[in-house]
N, C-alpha and C. Protein backbone atom coordinates (compact mmCIF):
# COMPACT_ATOMS: atom_id res chain seq x y z
N MET A 1 131.10 138.86 64.56
CA MET A 1 130.98 139.46 65.89
C MET A 1 130.18 138.49 66.76
N LEU A 2 130.77 138.16 67.90
CA LEU A 2 130.07 137.27 68.81
C LEU A 2 128.85 137.98 69.40
N PRO A 3 127.82 137.23 69.79
CA PRO A 3 126.61 137.85 70.35
C PRO A 3 126.88 138.77 71.53
N VAL A 4 127.83 138.41 72.40
CA VAL A 4 128.11 139.25 73.56
C VAL A 4 128.69 140.60 73.12
N ALA A 5 129.49 140.61 72.06
CA ALA A 5 130.04 141.88 71.54
C ALA A 5 128.94 142.73 70.92
N ALA A 6 128.03 142.09 70.20
CA ALA A 6 126.89 142.83 69.63
C ALA A 6 126.04 143.43 70.76
N GLN A 7 125.90 142.68 71.85
CA GLN A 7 125.15 143.19 72.99
C GLN A 7 125.88 144.35 73.65
N ASP A 8 127.22 144.26 73.73
CA ASP A 8 128.01 145.38 74.26
C ASP A 8 127.70 146.66 73.48
N LEU A 9 127.70 146.56 72.16
CA LEU A 9 127.43 147.73 71.31
C LEU A 9 126.02 148.25 71.55
N ALA A 10 125.06 147.36 71.56
CA ALA A 10 123.67 147.77 71.79
C ALA A 10 123.51 148.44 73.15
N ASP A 11 124.15 147.88 74.16
CA ASP A 11 124.04 148.42 75.52
C ASP A 11 124.61 149.83 75.61
N PHE A 12 125.78 150.05 75.02
CA PHE A 12 126.36 151.39 75.15
C PHE A 12 125.58 152.40 74.33
N VAL A 13 125.05 152.01 73.18
CA VAL A 13 124.23 152.94 72.39
C VAL A 13 122.98 153.30 73.17
N GLU A 14 122.34 152.30 73.75
CA GLU A 14 121.12 152.55 74.54
C GLU A 14 121.42 153.48 75.72
N TYR A 15 122.51 153.22 76.41
CA TYR A 15 122.87 154.04 77.56
C TYR A 15 123.18 155.48 77.14
N LEU A 16 124.06 155.65 76.16
CA LEU A 16 124.43 157.01 75.73
C LEU A 16 123.26 157.77 75.13
N ALA A 17 122.39 157.07 74.43
CA ALA A 17 121.26 157.73 73.77
C ALA A 17 120.31 158.39 74.77
N GLN A 18 120.32 157.92 76.01
CA GLN A 18 119.50 158.55 77.04
C GLN A 18 119.91 160.00 77.26
N PHE A 19 121.19 160.28 77.03
CA PHE A 19 121.73 161.60 77.30
C PHE A 19 122.11 162.35 76.03
N TYR A 20 122.73 161.63 75.10
CA TYR A 20 123.27 162.25 73.89
C TYR A 20 123.04 161.32 72.70
N GLU A 21 121.87 161.38 72.12
CA GLU A 21 121.55 160.44 71.04
C GLU A 21 122.50 160.53 69.85
N SER A 22 122.80 161.75 69.42
CA SER A 22 123.68 161.89 68.25
C SER A 22 125.10 161.39 68.56
N THR A 23 125.56 161.61 69.79
CA THR A 23 126.88 161.12 70.18
C THR A 23 126.89 159.59 70.20
N ALA A 24 125.84 158.99 70.70
CA ALA A 24 125.75 157.53 70.74
C ALA A 24 125.84 156.95 69.33
N LEU A 25 125.13 157.53 68.40
CA LEU A 25 125.14 157.03 67.02
C LEU A 25 126.49 157.26 66.35
N ARG A 26 127.11 158.40 66.60
CA ARG A 26 128.44 158.66 66.03
C ARG A 26 129.48 157.69 66.58
N GLN A 27 129.40 157.45 67.87
CA GLN A 27 130.36 156.52 68.48
C GLN A 27 130.15 155.11 67.94
N TYR A 28 128.91 154.69 67.79
CA TYR A 28 128.61 153.38 67.21
C TYR A 28 129.20 153.29 65.80
N ASP A 29 128.94 154.30 64.99
CA ASP A 29 129.46 154.32 63.61
C ASP A 29 130.99 154.26 63.60
N ARG A 30 131.62 155.00 64.49
CA ARG A 30 133.08 155.03 64.56
C ARG A 30 133.64 153.64 64.88
N ILE A 31 133.03 152.96 65.83
CA ILE A 31 133.49 151.62 66.21
C ILE A 31 133.28 150.63 65.07
N VAL A 32 132.11 150.67 64.45
CA VAL A 32 131.81 149.74 63.35
C VAL A 32 132.77 149.97 62.18
N GLU A 33 133.07 151.22 61.87
CA GLU A 33 134.00 151.50 60.77
C GLU A 33 135.40 150.97 61.07
N LYS A 34 135.85 151.12 62.31
CA LYS A 34 137.17 150.60 62.68
C LYS A 34 137.18 149.07 62.60
N ILE A 35 136.10 148.44 63.01
CA ILE A 35 136.01 146.98 62.92
C ILE A 35 136.08 146.54 61.46
N LYS A 36 135.43 147.27 60.57
CA LYS A 36 135.44 146.93 59.15
C LYS A 36 136.84 147.02 58.54
N GLU A 37 137.71 147.83 59.15
CA GLU A 37 139.09 147.98 58.65
C GLU A 37 139.99 146.83 59.08
N LEU A 38 139.61 146.06 60.08
CA LEU A 38 140.48 145.02 60.62
C LEU A 38 140.95 143.98 59.59
N PRO A 39 140.13 143.54 58.64
CA PRO A 39 140.63 142.53 57.70
C PRO A 39 141.87 142.97 56.91
N ARG A 40 142.05 144.25 56.71
CA ARG A 40 143.23 144.73 55.97
C ARG A 40 144.51 144.51 56.76
N PHE A 41 144.48 144.78 58.05
CA PHE A 41 145.65 144.65 58.91
C PHE A 41 145.22 144.05 60.25
N PRO A 42 144.88 142.77 60.27
CA PRO A 42 144.31 142.18 61.48
C PRO A 42 145.24 142.17 62.69
N GLU A 43 146.55 142.22 62.47
CA GLU A 43 147.47 142.18 63.59
C GLU A 43 148.08 143.55 63.90
N LYS A 44 147.40 144.58 63.42
CA LYS A 44 147.87 145.95 63.62
C LYS A 44 147.88 146.36 65.09
N TYR A 45 146.92 145.87 65.84
CA TYR A 45 146.76 146.32 67.23
C TYR A 45 147.44 145.35 68.19
N GLU A 46 147.79 145.87 69.35
CA GLU A 46 148.59 145.12 70.31
C GLU A 46 147.88 143.89 70.86
N ALA A 47 148.69 142.88 71.14
CA ALA A 47 148.18 141.69 71.82
C ALA A 47 147.86 142.09 73.25
N TYR A 48 146.86 141.44 73.82
CA TYR A 48 146.42 141.79 75.17
C TYR A 48 146.52 140.58 76.09
N SER A 49 147.52 140.54 76.92
CA SER A 49 147.67 139.56 78.00
C SER A 49 147.21 138.15 77.62
N ALA A 50 147.71 137.63 76.52
CA ALA A 50 147.26 136.33 76.03
C ALA A 50 147.45 135.22 77.05
N GLY A 51 148.44 135.34 77.93
CA GLY A 51 148.70 134.28 78.89
C GLY A 51 147.60 134.08 79.91
N GLN A 52 146.77 135.08 80.15
CA GLN A 52 145.74 134.98 81.17
C GLN A 52 144.43 134.42 80.66
N TYR A 53 144.28 134.30 79.37
CA TYR A 53 143.00 133.93 78.79
C TYR A 53 143.18 132.75 77.84
N ARG A 54 142.09 132.11 77.49
CA ARG A 54 142.12 130.98 76.56
C ARG A 54 142.61 131.40 75.20
N LEU A 55 142.31 132.61 74.79
CA LEU A 55 142.58 133.07 73.44
C LEU A 55 143.58 134.23 73.45
N ALA A 56 144.25 134.41 72.33
CA ALA A 56 145.19 135.53 72.18
C ALA A 56 144.43 136.76 71.68
N TYR A 57 143.91 137.53 72.61
CA TYR A 57 143.15 138.73 72.26
C TYR A 57 144.07 139.80 71.70
N ARG A 58 143.49 140.63 70.85
CA ARG A 58 144.11 141.89 70.44
C ARG A 58 143.15 142.99 70.89
N ARG A 59 143.72 144.15 71.16
CA ARG A 59 142.93 145.26 71.71
C ARG A 59 143.03 146.45 70.78
N MET A 60 141.89 146.87 70.23
CA MET A 60 141.83 148.02 69.34
C MET A 60 141.12 149.17 70.06
N PRO A 61 141.83 150.26 70.35
CA PRO A 61 141.16 151.41 70.98
C PRO A 61 140.36 152.21 69.96
N VAL A 62 139.17 152.63 70.38
CA VAL A 62 138.34 153.52 69.57
C VAL A 62 137.74 154.52 70.55
N ALA A 63 138.31 155.71 70.58
CA ALA A 63 137.93 156.73 71.56
C ALA A 63 138.04 156.12 72.96
N SER A 64 136.97 156.15 73.76
CA SER A 64 137.00 155.63 75.12
C SER A 64 136.72 154.14 75.20
N TYR A 65 136.52 153.50 74.07
CA TYR A 65 136.15 152.09 74.02
C TYR A 65 137.31 151.23 73.55
N LEU A 66 137.27 149.96 73.92
CA LEU A 66 138.26 148.98 73.51
C LEU A 66 137.54 147.82 72.85
N VAL A 67 137.99 147.48 71.66
CA VAL A 67 137.43 146.34 70.93
C VAL A 67 138.42 145.20 71.10
N PHE A 68 137.95 144.10 71.66
CA PHE A 68 138.79 142.92 71.85
C PHE A 68 138.41 141.90 70.79
N TYR A 69 139.43 141.45 70.07
CA TYR A 69 139.17 140.50 68.98
C TYR A 69 140.26 139.45 68.93
N VAL A 70 139.97 138.39 68.18
CA VAL A 70 140.89 137.28 68.01
C VAL A 70 141.04 137.04 66.52
N VAL A 71 142.27 136.82 66.09
CA VAL A 71 142.55 136.49 64.69
C VAL A 71 142.70 134.97 64.62
N LEU A 72 141.81 134.34 63.86
CA LEU A 72 141.82 132.89 63.69
C LEU A 72 141.98 132.58 62.21
N GLU A 73 143.18 132.27 61.79
CA GLU A 73 143.50 131.99 60.39
C GLU A 73 142.92 133.06 59.48
N ASP A 74 141.80 132.78 58.81
CA ASP A 74 141.22 133.76 57.88
C ASP A 74 139.98 134.45 58.44
N THR A 75 139.79 134.38 59.75
CA THR A 75 138.62 134.95 60.40
C THR A 75 139.04 135.88 61.53
N ILE A 76 138.29 136.95 61.70
CA ILE A 76 138.47 137.84 62.84
C ILE A 76 137.18 137.77 63.65
N GLU A 77 137.32 137.38 64.90
CA GLU A 77 136.15 137.31 65.79
C GLU A 77 136.22 138.49 66.77
N ILE A 78 135.16 139.28 66.78
CA ILE A 78 135.04 140.37 67.75
C ILE A 78 134.41 139.77 68.99
N HIS A 79 135.14 139.81 70.11
CA HIS A 79 134.66 139.17 71.33
C HIS A 79 133.98 140.14 72.29
N ARG A 80 134.51 141.34 72.44
CA ARG A 80 133.93 142.30 73.36
C ARG A 80 134.17 143.71 72.85
N VAL A 81 133.28 144.63 73.21
CA VAL A 81 133.44 146.06 73.00
C VAL A 81 133.12 146.69 74.35
N LEU A 82 134.16 147.15 75.04
CA LEU A 82 134.01 147.62 76.41
C LEU A 82 134.53 149.04 76.58
N HIS A 83 133.89 149.77 77.45
CA HIS A 83 134.40 151.09 77.80
C HIS A 83 135.71 150.88 78.57
N GLY A 84 136.68 151.73 78.32
CA GLY A 84 137.99 151.59 78.94
C GLY A 84 137.98 151.65 80.45
N SER A 85 136.94 152.20 81.05
CA SER A 85 136.89 152.30 82.51
C SER A 85 136.33 151.03 83.18
N ARG A 86 135.87 150.08 82.39
CA ARG A 86 135.30 148.85 82.95
C ARG A 86 136.41 147.95 83.49
N ASP A 87 136.04 146.96 84.26
CA ASP A 87 136.97 145.95 84.76
C ASP A 87 137.19 144.95 83.62
N ILE A 88 138.14 145.27 82.76
CA ILE A 88 138.35 144.53 81.52
C ILE A 88 138.61 143.05 81.79
N LYS A 89 139.51 142.73 82.68
CA LYS A 89 139.86 141.33 82.92
C LYS A 89 138.64 140.52 83.34
N ARG A 90 137.82 141.08 84.19
CA ARG A 90 136.61 140.37 84.65
C ARG A 90 135.68 140.11 83.49
N HIS A 91 135.49 141.09 82.64
CA HIS A 91 134.56 140.96 81.52
C HIS A 91 135.08 139.98 80.46
N LEU A 92 136.38 139.96 80.25
CA LEU A 92 136.94 139.02 79.26
C LEU A 92 136.90 137.60 79.81
N ASP A 93 137.15 137.45 81.09
CA ASP A 93 137.16 136.11 81.67
C ASP A 93 135.76 135.48 81.72
N THR A 94 134.77 136.27 82.04
CA THR A 94 133.44 135.71 82.26
C THR A 94 132.49 135.92 81.10
N GLY A 95 132.79 136.86 80.22
CA GLY A 95 131.87 137.15 79.13
C GLY A 95 130.68 137.98 79.56
N ILE A 96 130.76 138.63 80.76
CA ILE A 96 129.65 139.48 81.21
C ILE A 96 130.10 140.92 81.27
């Protein structure tokens, strides 16, 4: 998991925990469990607009969140974990 993706997870847990601590932790666990399943079927999820970005992202939905990752030979890199309502293209392009 790239540092920016780890920060995405930390940020959403911190934000949700202000209002619903147990929900924040459940959502975090749900996302982490889905990420752990990726090595079994790394190309299971749809490709995401590969032509617009340097890398061929795949997009894995987990509830209201989207996990963007790249399959590189024998490695899966998690690049971003974003809420579906965010400006996805801006965040993928800039890493913010």
